[in-house]
Amino acid sequence: MIRLPPLTTLRAFEAAARLLSFKEAADELGLTPTAISHQIRLLEAHCGTKLFRRRPRPLALTDAGATLFPAIRSGFQTFAAALSSLDQKAETRPLRVTTTNAFASRWLVPRLKLWRKAHKDVALSIIGADRVVRLDADEADLAIRYARSAPKGASREIFRDRFCPICNPKLLAGRAPIRSAGDLAGLPLIHFDWFASDQSAPNWARWQEMASASDPRAHDLGGVALSFREELHAIDAVFAGEGIAILSDVVVADELAAGNLVKALDLALPGYGFYPVYLPDHPRRAVIETFVNWLGQC
């Protein structure tokens, strides 16, 4: 293994050799002249020879110092160029944003044209995933976590949803108005899977339990018409008019606003919050916070 001196000694030598002044080198590096002199002596001990002529003044390099200086200076310039290149690549690569598949597909993607219009110089890479994508492993720059309460590292809550029975309005055409939960009896119910560990998932079973407090008929609305593993597939089935599902009013906000979907009954279960999470020392923190502020204004 190549034995190298401490980097601090090389930095002190490069500055002192370039400026030919321990005092000016100390000012540049935020040290004292005594500290610079100490670092130079350590480097001279490592090299086994003097690198500066200290007397008579002015300060001058010895032959050994003059031989070493161009190599050290070139090395630091190479380091600086490489680091600058990395910074430039980081600034130009897309900002990687991860969130749930349903939120990405139904809410975020339709609004990306607004982001491009306001911030066309910042490209985005959207990572839809229902698993927790790790930020400390550099899998993404920003995560929009979906949780009951603020997860570790969350800066703030940007949305909170509610879950209620939602369907295509065509499914209700020709039926008597739905005024209470029991009026949903006979309509096909669409289910989708929640994480097994979530004992308070906003699904049909919990909604019927809540609704039965005001309408006992809610206990028996009929059997399952369709069941899906993925939330997105359940939303597609609702959109196609195949039945009613307990859905997030944030995820399908656009469809509700356009009238393509409707709340069959505005009796809702509490949902979850959407939380931006990113590393506090992320080198692109300013861009991330611009994106987070934009999310909150949409």
C-alpha atoms as a PDB file:
ATOM      1  CA  MET A   1       0.000   0.000   0.000  1.00  0.00           C
ATOM      2  CA  ILE A   2       1.277   3.491  -0.906  1.00  0.00           C
ATOM      3  CA  ARG A   3       2.019   5.504   2.222  1.00  0.00           C
ATOM      4  CA  LEU A   4       0.785   9.081   1.811  1.00  0.00           C
ATOM      5  CA  PRO A   5       1.058  12.023   4.199  1.00  0.00           C
ATOM      6  CA  PRO A   6      -2.114  13.527   5.729  1.00  0.00           C
ATOM      7  CA  LEU A   7      -4.169  15.627   3.315  1.00  0.00           C
ATOM      8  CA  THR A   8      -3.953  18.599   5.708  1.00  0.00           C
ATOM      9  CA  THR A   9      -0.179  18.741   5.229  1.00  0.00           C
ATOM     10  CA  LEU A  10      -0.540  18.719   1.452  1.00  0.00           C
ATOM     11  CA  ARG A  11      -3.152  21.499   1.538  1.00  0.00           C
ATOM     12  CA  ALA A  12      -0.912  23.626   3.738  1.00  0.00           C
ATOM     13  CA  PHE A  13       2.102  23.016   1.490  1.00  0.00           C
ATOM     14  CA  GLU A  14       0.199  23.801  -1.731  1.00  0.00           C
ATOM     15  CA  ALA A  15      -1.117  27.101  -0.381  1.00  0.00           C
ATOM     16  CA  ALA A  16       2.223  28.162   1.129  1.00  0.00           C
ATOM     17  CA  ALA A  17       4.170  27.216  -2.005  1.00  0.00           C
ATOM     18  CA  ARG A  18       1.717  29.012  -4.278  1.00  0.00           C
ATOM     19  CA  LEU A  19       1.608  32.179  -2.163  1.00  0.00           C
ATOM     20  CA  LEU A  20       5.177  31.940  -0.770  1.00  0.00           C
ATOM     21  CA  SER A  21       3.806  33.103   2.567  1.00  0.00           C
ATOM     22  CA  PHE A  22       2.769  31.146   5.639  1.00  0.00           C
ATOM     23  CA  LYS A  23       0.592  34.065   6.750  1.00  0.00           C
ATOM     24  CA  GLU A  24      -1.322  34.327   3.455  1.00  0.00           C
ATOM     25  CA  ALA A  25      -1.695  30.538   3.340  1.00  0.00           C
ATOM     26  CA  ALA A  26      -3.085  30.626   6.878  1.00  0.00           C
ATOM     27  CA  ASP A  27      -5.606  33.331   5.931  1.00  0.00           C
ATOM     28  CA  GLU A  28      -6.760  31.344   2.888  1.00  0.00           C
ATOM     29  CA  LEU A  29      -7.228  28.116   4.834  1.00  0.00           C
ATOM     30  CA  GLY A  30      -8.649  29.707   7.983  1.00  0.00           C
ATOM     31  CA  LEU A  31      -5.692  28.667  10.131  1.00  0.00           C
ATOM     32  CA  THR A  32      -2.880  30.421  12.002  1.00  0.00           C
ATOM     33  CA  PRO A  33       0.658  30.814  10.589  1.00  0.00           C
ATOM     34  CA  THR A  34       1.858  28.574  13.420  1.00  0.00           C
ATOM     35  CA  ALA A  35      -0.539  25.826  12.305  1.00  0.00           C
ATOM     36  CA  ILE A  36       0.665  26.139   8.708  1.00  0.00           C
ATOM     37  CA  SER A  37       4.284  25.909   9.877  1.00  0.00           C
ATOM     38  CA  HIS A  38       3.423  22.802  11.928  1.00  0.00           C
ATOM     39  CA  GLN A  39       1.775  21.101   8.915  1.00  0.00           C
ATOM     40  CA  ILE A  40       4.777  21.899   6.720  1.00  0.00           C
ATOM     41  CA  ARG A  41       7.157  20.404   9.281  1.00  0.00           C
ATOM     42  CA  LEU A  42       5.051  17.220   9.379  1.00  0.00           C
ATOM     43  CA  LEU A  43       5.249  16.971   5.604  1.00  0.00           C
ATOM     44  CA  GLU A  44       9.000  17.601   5.631  1.00  0.00           C
ATOM     45  CA  ALA A  45       9.388  14.834   8.203  1.00  0.00           C
ATOM     46  CA  HIS A  46       7.389  12.514   5.940  1.00  0.00           C
ATOM     47  CA  CYS A  47       9.518  13.441   2.909  1.00  0.00           C
ATOM     48  CA  GLY A  48      12.787  13.392   4.825  1.00  0.00           C
ATOM     49  CA  THR A  49      13.921  16.737   3.450  1.00  0.00           C
ATOM     50  CA  LYS A  50      13.321  20.471   3.741  1.00  0.00           C
ATOM     51  CA  LEU A  51      10.740  21.940   1.378  1.00  0.00           C
ATOM     52  CA  PHE A  52      11.170  25.658   2.193  1.00  0.00           C
ATOM     53  CA  ARG A  53      14.095  27.991   2.799  1.00  0.00           C
ATOM     54  CA  ARG A  54      12.901  30.099   5.709  1.00  0.00           C
ATOM     55  CA  ARG A  55      16.023  32.204   6.044  1.00  0.00           C
ATOM     56  CA  PRO A  56      16.924  34.639   4.749  1.00  0.00           C
ATOM     57  CA  ARG A  57      13.586  36.113   3.819  1.00  0.00           C
ATOM     58  CA  PRO A  58      11.543  36.051   1.564  1.00  0.00           C
ATOM     59  CA  LEU A  59      10.224  32.495   1.850  1.00  0.00           C
ATOM     60  CA  ALA A  60      11.425  30.269  -1.011  1.00  0.00           C
ATOM     61  CA  LEU A  61      11.109  26.668  -2.085  1.00  0.00           C
ATOM     62  CA  THR A  62      14.051  24.298  -1.873  1.00  0.00           C
ATOM     63  CA  ASP A  63      14.871  22.132  -4.873  1.00  0.00           C
ATOM     64  CA  ALA A  64      12.811  19.340  -3.281  1.00  0.00           C
ATOM     65  CA  GLY A  65       9.907  21.722  -2.686  1.00  0.00           C
ATOM     66  CA  ALA A  66      10.067  23.010  -6.251  1.00  0.00           C
ATOM     67  CA  THR A  67       9.932  19.407  -7.499  1.00  0.00           C
ATOM     68  CA  LEU A  68       6.973  18.514  -5.282  1.00  0.00           C
ATOM     69  CA  PHE A  69       4.900  21.651  -5.779  1.00  0.00           C
ATOM     70  CA  PRO A  70       3.773  21.132  -9.453  1.00  0.00           C
ATOM     71  CA  ALA A  71       2.641  17.572  -8.665  1.00  0.00           C
ATOM     72  CA  ILE A  72       0.652  18.641  -5.586  1.00  0.00           C
ATOM     73  CA  ARG A  73      -0.870  21.626  -7.404  1.00  0.00           C
ATOM     74  CA  SER A  74      -1.838  19.437 -10.374  1.00  0.00           C
ATOM     75  CA  GLY A  75      -3.382  16.884  -8.018  1.00  0.00           C
ATOM     76  CA  PHE A  76      -5.575  19.466  -6.283  1.00  0.00           C
ATOM     77  CA  GLN A  77      -6.622  20.924  -9.639  1.00  0.00           C
ATOM     78  CA  THR A  78      -7.592  17.423 -10.788  1.00  0.00           C
ATOM     79  CA  PHE A  79      -9.605  16.886  -7.591  1.00  0.00           C
ATOM     80  CA  ALA A  80     -11.369  20.230  -8.044  1.00  0.00           C
ATOM     81  CA  ALA A  81     -12.208  19.521 -11.689  1.00  0.00           C
ATOM     82  CA  ALA A  82     -13.595  16.072 -10.829  1.00  0.00           C
ATOM     83  CA  LEU A  83     -15.730  17.442  -7.985  1.00  0.00           C
ATOM     84  CA  SER A  84     -16.999  20.275 -10.200  1.00  0.00           C
ATOM     85  CA  SER A  85     -17.941  17.728 -12.847  1.00  0.00           C
ATOM     86  CA  LEU A  86     -19.883  15.707 -10.283  1.00  0.00           C
ATOM     87  CA  ASP A  87     -21.712  18.839  -9.109  1.00  0.00           C
ATOM     88  CA  GLN A  88     -22.665  19.737 -12.680  1.00  0.00           C
ATOM     89  CA  LYS A  89     -23.922  16.215 -13.372  1.00  0.00           C
ATOM     90  CA  ALA A  90     -25.983  16.265 -10.162  1.00  0.00           C
ATOM     91  CA  GLU A  91     -27.536  19.608 -11.109  1.00  0.00           C
ATOM     92  CA  THR A  92     -28.506  18.456 -14.605  1.00  0.00           C
ATOM     93  CA  ARG A  93     -29.810  14.980 -13.817  1.00  0.00           C
ATOM     94  CA  PRO A  94     -33.569  14.595 -13.258  1.00  0.00           C
ATOM     95  CA  LEU A  95     -34.881  15.114  -9.749  1.00  0.00           C
ATOM     96  CA  ARG A  96     -35.970  11.632  -8.647  1.00  0.00           C
ATOM     97  CA  VAL A  97     -39.342  11.659  -6.883  1.00  0.00           C
ATOM     98  CA  THR A  98     -40.888   8.507  -5.451  1.00  0.00           C
ATOM     99  CA  THR A  99     -44.463   8.059  -4.273  1.00  0.00           C
ATOM    100  CA  THR A 100     -47.224   5.463  -4.349  1.00  0.00           C
ATOM    101  CA  ASN A 101     -48.282   4.111  -7.719  1.00  0.00           C
ATOM    102  CA  ALA A 102     -51.840   5.387  -7.388  1.00  0.00           C
ATOM    103  CA  PHE A 103     -50.862   8.923  -6.360  1.00  0.00           C
ATOM    104  CA  ALA A 104     -48.201   9.082  -9.073  1.00  0.00           C
ATOM    105  CA  SER A 105     -50.542   7.888 -11.812  1.00  0.00           C
ATOM    106  CA  ARG A 106     -53.779   9.671 -10.900  1.00  0.00           C
ATOM    107  CA  TRP A 107     -52.625  12.897  -9.222  1.00  0.00           C
ATOM    108  CA  LEU A 108     -48.980  13.702  -9.915  1.00  0.00           C
ATOM    109  CA  VAL A 109     -48.524  12.747 -13.570  1.00  0.00           C
ATOM    110  CA  PRO A 110     -51.507  14.814 -14.818  1.00  0.00           C
ATOM    111  CA  ARG A 111     -49.946  17.900 -13.170  1.00  0.00           C
ATOM    112  CA  LEU A 112     -46.420  17.514 -14.502  1.00  0.00           C
ATOM    113  CA  LYS A 113     -47.173  19.825 -17.411  1.00  0.00           C
ATOM    114  CA  LEU A 114     -47.678  22.583 -14.832  1.00  0.00           C
ATOM    115  CA  TRP A 115     -44.264  21.843 -13.328  1.00  0.00           C
ATOM    116  CA  ARG A 116     -42.590  21.911 -16.749  1.00  0.00           C
ATOM    117  CA  LYS A 117     -44.239  25.230 -17.520  1.00  0.00           C
ATOM    118  CA  ALA A 118     -42.979  26.809 -14.288  1.00  0.00           C
ATOM    119  CA  HIS A 119     -39.622  24.996 -13.989  1.00  0.00           C
ATOM    120  CA  LYS A 120     -38.647  23.748 -17.443  1.00  0.00           C
ATOM    121  CA  ASP A 121     -34.966  23.706 -16.424  1.00  0.00           C
ATOM    122  CA  VAL A 122     -35.550  20.932 -13.836  1.00  0.00           C
ATOM    123  CA  ALA A 123     -36.399  17.511 -15.251  1.00  0.00           C
ATOM    124  CA  LEU A 124     -38.232  14.981 -13.093  1.00  0.00           C
ATOM    125  CA  SER A 125     -37.996  11.223 -12.824  1.00  0.00           C
ATOM    126  CA  ILE A 126     -41.101   9.726 -11.178  1.00  0.00           C
ATOM    127  CA  ILE A 127     -40.628   6.437  -9.327  1.00  0.00           C
ATOM    128  CA  GLY A 128     -43.968   4.835  -8.558  1.00  0.00           C
ATOM    129  CA  ALA A 129     -43.563   2.220  -5.825  1.00  0.00           C
ATOM    130  CA  ASP A 130     -45.751   0.937  -3.020  1.00  0.00           C
ATOM    131  CA  ARG A 131     -42.678  -0.166  -1.062  1.00  0.00           C
ATOM    132  CA  VAL A 132     -40.610   2.297   0.973  1.00  0.00           C
ATOM    133  CA  VAL A 133     -37.882   3.546  -1.366  1.00  0.00           C
ATOM    134  CA  ARG A 134     -34.730   4.312   0.634  1.00  0.00           C
ATOM    135  CA  LEU A 135     -33.309   7.796   0.411  1.00  0.00           C
ATOM    136  CA  ASP A 136     -30.144   6.979   2.352  1.00  0.00           C
ATOM    137  CA  ALA A 137     -29.285   4.399  -0.317  1.00  0.00           C
ATOM    138  CA  ASP A 138     -29.645   7.057  -3.054  1.00  0.00           C
ATOM    139  CA  GLU A 139     -32.663   5.348  -4.647  1.00  0.00           C
ATOM    140  CA  ALA A 140     -34.453   8.714  -4.889  1.00  0.00           C
ATOM    141  CA  ASP A 141     -33.964  12.378  -3.980  1.00  0.00           C
ATOM    142  CA  LEU A 142     -37.439  12.988  -2.557  1.00  0.00           C
ATOM    143  CA  ALA A 143     -40.155  10.680  -1.262  1.00  0.00           C
ATOM    144  CA  ILE A 144     -43.810  11.586  -0.857  1.00  0.00           C
ATOM    145  CA  ARG A 145     -44.672   9.204   1.974  1.00  0.00           C
ATOM    146  CA  TYR A 146     -48.251   8.104   2.557  1.00  0.00           C
ATOM    147  CA  ALA A 147     -48.819   7.526   6.273  1.00  0.00           C
ATOM    148  CA  ARG A 148     -51.239   8.002   9.175  1.00  0.00           C
ATOM    149  CA  SER A 149     -48.819  10.328  10.948  1.00  0.00           C
ATOM    150  CA  ALA A 150     -45.622  12.138  10.038  1.00  0.00           C
ATOM    151  CA  PRO A 151     -42.819   9.671   9.268  1.00  0.00           C
ATOM    152  CA  LYS A 152     -39.220  10.274  10.286  1.00  0.00           C
ATOM    153  CA  GLY A 153     -37.689  13.101   8.277  1.00  0.00           C
ATOM    154  CA  ALA A 154     -40.989  14.578   7.093  1.00  0.00           C
ATOM    155  CA  SER A 155     -40.893  18.346   6.625  1.00  0.00           C
ATOM    156  CA  ARG A 156     -44.672  18.852   6.733  1.00  0.00           C
ATOM    157  CA  GLU A 157     -47.992  17.392   5.604  1.00  0.00           C
ATOM    158  CA  ILE A 158     -49.122  18.595   2.163  1.00  0.00           C
ATOM    159  CA  PHE A 159     -52.430  16.695   1.856  1.00  0.00           C
ATOM    160  CA  ARG A 160     -54.694  14.440   3.878  1.00  0.00           C
ATOM    161  CA  ASP A 161     -57.338  12.337   2.199  1.00  0.00           C
ATOM    162  CA  ARG A 162     -60.712  10.823   3.112  1.00  0.00           C
ATOM    163  CA  PHE A 163     -62.172   7.549   1.867  1.00  0.00           C
ATOM    164  CA  CYS A 164     -65.789   7.243   0.761  1.00  0.00           C
ATOM    165  CA  PRO A 165     -67.858   5.204  -1.742  1.00  0.00           C
ATOM    166  CA  ILE A 166     -67.051   6.435  -5.254  1.00  0.00           C
ATOM    167  CA  CYS A 167     -68.408   5.283  -8.587  1.00  0.00           C
ATOM    168  CA  ASN A 168     -69.080   6.187 -12.188  1.00  0.00           C
ATOM    169  CA  PRO A 169     -72.275   8.328 -12.263  1.00  0.00           C
ATOM    170  CA  LYS A 170     -73.684   6.035 -14.952  1.00  0.00           C
ATOM    171  CA  LEU A 171     -73.896   3.273 -12.340  1.00  0.00           C
ATOM    172  CA  LEU A 172     -76.485   5.315 -10.432  1.00  0.00           C
ATOM    173  CA  ALA A 173     -78.553   6.337 -13.446  1.00  0.00           C
ATOM    174  CA  GLY A 174     -82.209   5.355 -13.138  1.00  0.00           C
ATOM    175  CA  ARG A 175     -81.927   4.499  -9.441  1.00  0.00           C
ATOM    176  CA  ALA A 176     -83.604   6.218  -6.526  1.00  0.00           C
ATOM    177  CA  PRO A 177     -81.367   8.832  -4.872  1.00  0.00           C
ATOM    178  CA  ILE A 178     -78.883   7.419  -2.350  1.00  0.00           C
ATOM    179  CA  ARG A 179     -79.579   9.107   0.966  1.00  0.00           C
ATOM    180  CA  SER A 180     -78.043   6.652   3.428  1.00  0.00           C
ATOM    181  CA  ALA A 181     -75.652   3.706   3.459  1.00  0.00           C
ATOM    182  CA  GLY A 182     -78.385   1.092   3.139  1.00  0.00           C
ATOM    183  CA  ASP A 183     -79.387   2.547  -0.228  1.00  0.00           C
ATOM    184  CA  LEU A 184     -76.169   1.113  -1.679  1.00  0.00           C
ATOM    185  CA  ALA A 185     -77.530  -2.436  -1.268  1.00  0.00           C
ATOM    186  CA  GLY A 186     -77.555  -4.345  -4.522  1.00  0.00           C
ATOM    187  CA  LEU A 187     -74.814  -2.298  -6.164  1.00  0.00           C
ATOM    188  CA  PRO A 188     -71.609  -4.180  -7.025  1.00  0.00           C
ATOM    189  CA  LEU A 189     -68.815  -3.560  -4.539  1.00  0.00           C
ATOM    190  CA  ILE A 190     -65.168  -3.355  -5.621  1.00  0.00           C
ATOM    191  CA  HIS A 191     -62.410  -4.232  -3.163  1.00  0.00           C
ATOM    192  CA  PHE A 192     -58.625  -3.941  -3.284  1.00  0.00           C
ATOM    193  CA  ASP A 193     -55.899  -5.142  -0.935  1.00  0.00           C
ATOM    194  CA  TRP A 194     -54.355  -3.074   1.805  1.00  0.00           C
ATOM    195  CA  PHE A 195     -51.194  -3.939   3.707  1.00  0.00           C
ATOM    196  CA  ALA A 196     -51.958  -6.809   6.047  1.00  0.00           C
ATOM    197  CA  SER A 197     -50.323  -4.923   8.920  1.00  0.00           C
ATOM    198  CA  ASP A 198     -52.798  -2.038   8.651  1.00  0.00           C
ATOM    199  CA  GLN A 199     -55.599  -3.002  11.017  1.00  0.00           C
ATOM    200  CA  SER A 200     -57.441   0.279  10.411  1.00  0.00           C
ATOM    201  CA  ALA A 201     -57.360   0.242   6.614  1.00  0.00           C
ATOM    202  CA  PRO A 202     -60.159   2.284   5.004  1.00  0.00           C
ATOM    203  CA  ASN A 203     -61.955  -0.596   3.292  1.00  0.00           C
ATOM    204  CA  TRP A 204     -65.542  -1.729   2.851  1.00  0.00           C
ATOM    205  CA  ALA A 205     -65.601  -3.674   6.128  1.00  0.00           C
ATOM    206  CA  ARG A 206     -64.624  -0.645   8.193  1.00  0.00           C
ATOM    207  CA  TRP A 207     -66.855   1.702   6.199  1.00  0.00           C
ATOM    208  CA  GLN A 208     -69.889  -0.566   6.717  1.00  0.00           C
ATOM    209  CA  GLU A 209     -69.117  -0.818  10.436  1.00  0.00           C
ATOM    210  CA  MET A 210     -69.027   2.988  10.677  1.00  0.00           C
ATOM    211  CA  ALA A 211     -72.119   3.491   8.495  1.00  0.00           C
ATOM    212  CA  SER A 212     -74.212   0.949  10.410  1.00  0.00           C
ATOM    213  CA  ALA A 213     -74.223   3.264  13.421  1.00  0.00           C
ATOM    214  CA  SER A 214     -76.689   5.484  11.559  1.00  0.00           C
ATOM    215  CA  ASP A 215     -78.204   2.897   9.195  1.00  0.00           C
ATOM    216  CA  PRO A 216     -78.292  -0.763  10.326  1.00  0.00           C
ATOM    217  CA  ARG A 217     -78.908  -1.810   6.712  1.00  0.00           C
ATOM    218  CA  ALA A 218     -75.248  -0.994   5.991  1.00  0.00           C
ATOM    219  CA  HIS A 219     -74.266  -4.314   7.600  1.00  0.00           C
ATOM    220  CA  ASP A 220     -75.484  -6.216   4.531  1.00  0.00           C
ATOM    221  CA  LEU A 221     -74.825  -4.487   1.221  1.00  0.00           C
ATOM    222  CA  GLY A 222     -74.218  -7.647  -0.737  1.00  0.00           C
ATOM    223  CA  GLY A 223     -71.177  -9.633  -1.751  1.00  0.00           C
ATOM    224  CA  VAL A 224     -67.929  -8.734  -3.436  1.00  0.00           C
ATOM    225  CA  ALA A 225     -68.348  -8.031  -7.139  1.00  0.00           C
ATOM    226  CA  LEU A 226     -64.658  -7.614  -7.934  1.00  0.00           C
ATOM    227  CA  SER A 227     -61.466  -7.755  -5.921  1.00  0.00           C
ATOM    228  CA  PHE A 228     -58.024  -6.498  -6.936  1.00  0.00           C
ATOM    229  CA  ARG A 229     -54.580  -6.625  -5.455  1.00  0.00           C
ATOM    230  CA  GLU A 230     -53.646  -3.195  -6.828  1.00  0.00           C
ATOM    231  CA  GLU A 231     -55.476   0.040  -5.999  1.00  0.00           C
ATOM    232  CA  LEU A 232     -54.951   1.332  -9.540  1.00  0.00           C
ATOM    233  CA  HIS A 233     -56.816  -1.636 -11.028  1.00  0.00           C
ATOM    234  CA  ALA A 234     -59.732  -1.048  -8.680  1.00  0.00           C
ATOM    235  CA  ILE A 235     -59.855   2.612  -9.757  1.00  0.00           C
ATOM    236  CA  ASP A 236     -59.860   1.544 -13.418  1.00  0.00           C
ATOM    237  CA  ALA A 237     -62.780  -0.801 -12.723  1.00  0.00           C
ATOM    238  CA  VAL A 238     -64.715   1.978 -10.970  1.00  0.00           C
ATOM    239  CA  PHE A 239     -64.034   4.327 -13.868  1.00  0.00           C
ATOM    240  CA  ALA A 240     -65.335   1.650 -16.254  1.00  0.00           C
ATOM    241  CA  GLY A 241     -68.602   1.493 -14.295  1.00  0.00           C
ATOM    242  CA  GLU A 242     -68.046  -1.986 -12.841  1.00  0.00           C
ATOM    243  CA  GLY A 243     -69.021  -1.015  -9.310  1.00  0.00           C
ATOM    244  CA  ILE A 244     -68.373   1.157  -6.249  1.00  0.00           C
ATOM    245  CA  ALA A 245     -65.114   1.265  -4.286  1.00  0.00           C
ATOM    246  CA  ILE A 246     -63.925   2.992  -1.132  1.00  0.00           C
ATOM    247  CA  LEU A 247     -61.403   5.396  -2.676  1.00  0.00           C
ATOM    248  CA  SER A 248     -59.177   8.300  -1.690  1.00  0.00           C
ATOM    249  CA  ASP A 249     -60.719  11.656  -2.568  1.00  0.00           C
ATOM    250  CA  VAL A 250     -57.201  13.008  -3.220  1.00  0.00           C
ATOM    251  CA  VAL A 251     -56.088  10.263  -5.577  1.00  0.00           C
ATOM    252  CA  VAL A 252     -59.221  10.616  -7.763  1.00  0.00           C
ATOM    253  CA  ALA A 253     -59.626  14.373  -7.209  1.00  0.00           C
ATOM    254  CA  ASP A 254     -59.399  15.164 -10.933  1.00  0.00           C
ATOM    255  CA  GLU A 255     -62.051  12.606 -11.886  1.00  0.00           C
ATOM    256  CA  LEU A 256     -64.366  13.917  -9.150  1.00  0.00           C
ATOM    257  CA  ALA A 257     -63.864  17.524 -10.254  1.00  0.00           C
ATOM    258  CA  ALA A 258     -64.602  16.619 -13.867  1.00  0.00           C
ATOM    259  CA  GLY A 259     -67.718  14.640 -12.938  1.00  0.00           C
ATOM    260  CA  ASN A 260     -66.329  11.433 -14.402  1.00  0.00           C
ATOM    261  CA  LEU A 261     -66.629   9.920 -10.923  1.00  0.00           C
ATOM    262  CA  VAL A 262     -68.965  10.849  -8.072  1.00  0.00           C
ATOM    263  CA  LYS A 263     -69.265  10.181  -4.372  1.00  0.00           C
ATOM    264  CA  ALA A 264     -72.181   7.799  -4.059  1.00  0.00           C
ATOM    265  CA  LEU A 265     -72.473   8.963  -0.452  1.00  0.00           C
ATOM    266  CA  ASP A 266     -70.387  11.594   1.311  1.00  0.00           C
ATOM    267  CA  LEU A 267     -69.806   9.468   4.400  1.00  0.00           C
ATOM    268  CA  ALA A 268     -66.061   9.099   4.773  1.00  0.00           C
ATOM    269  CA  LEU A 269     -63.420   7.229   6.730  1.00  0.00           C
ATOM    270  CA  PRO A 270     -60.309   9.181   7.771  1.00  0.00           C
ATOM    271  CA  GLY A 271     -57.418   8.601   5.432  1.00  0.00           C
ATOM    272  CA  TYR A 272     -53.720   9.285   5.435  1.00  0.00           C
ATOM    273  CA  GLY A 273     -51.343  12.197   5.038  1.00  0.00           C
ATOM    274  CA  PHE A 274     -48.933  12.846   2.174  1.00  0.00           C
ATOM    275  CA  TYR A 275     -45.532  13.861   3.543  1.00  0.00           C
ATOM    276  CA  PRO A 276     -42.442  15.060   1.636  1.00  0.00           C
ATOM    277  CA  VAL A 277     -39.297  13.422   3.002  1.00  0.00           C
ATOM    278  CA  TYR A 278     -35.700  14.142   1.948  1.00  0.00           C
ATOM    279  CA  LEU A 279     -32.239  14.107   3.472  1.00  0.00           C
ATOM    280  CA  PRO A 280     -31.534  17.390   5.296  1.00  0.00           C
ATOM    281  CA  ASP A 281     -28.017  17.623   3.837  1.00  0.00           C
ATOM    282  CA  HIS A 282     -29.071  16.766   0.277  1.00  0.00           C
ATOM    283  CA  PRO A 283     -26.922  18.759  -2.205  1.00  0.00           C
ATOM    284  CA  ARG A 284     -30.051  19.693  -4.209  1.00  0.00           C
ATOM    285  CA  ARG A 285     -32.112  20.718  -1.210  1.00  0.00           C
ATOM    286  CA  ALA A 286     -33.069  24.078  -2.756  1.00  0.00           C
ATOM    287  CA  VAL A 287     -34.560  22.367  -5.834  1.00  0.00           C
ATOM    288  CA  ILE A 288     -36.325  19.788  -3.660  1.00  0.00           C
ATOM    289  CA  GLU A 289     -37.926  22.490  -1.519  1.00  0.00           C
ATOM    290  CA  THR A 290     -39.048  24.318  -4.661  1.00  0.00           C
ATOM    291  CA  PHE A 291     -40.781  21.112  -5.780  1.00  0.00           C
ATOM    292  CA  VAL A 292     -42.347  20.580  -2.337  1.00  0.00           C
ATOM    293  CA  ASN A 293     -43.703  24.146  -2.304  1.00  0.00           C
ATOM    294  CA  TRP A 294     -45.092  23.614  -5.794  1.00  0.00           C
ATOM    295  CA  LEU A 295     -46.868  20.441  -4.642  1.00  0.00           C
ATOM    296  CA  GLY A 296     -48.535  22.304  -1.822  1.00  0.00           C
ATOM    297  CA  GLN A 297     -49.872  24.949  -4.222  1.00  0.00           C
ATOM    298  CA  CYS A 298     -51.367  22.534  -6.763  1.00  0.00           C
END
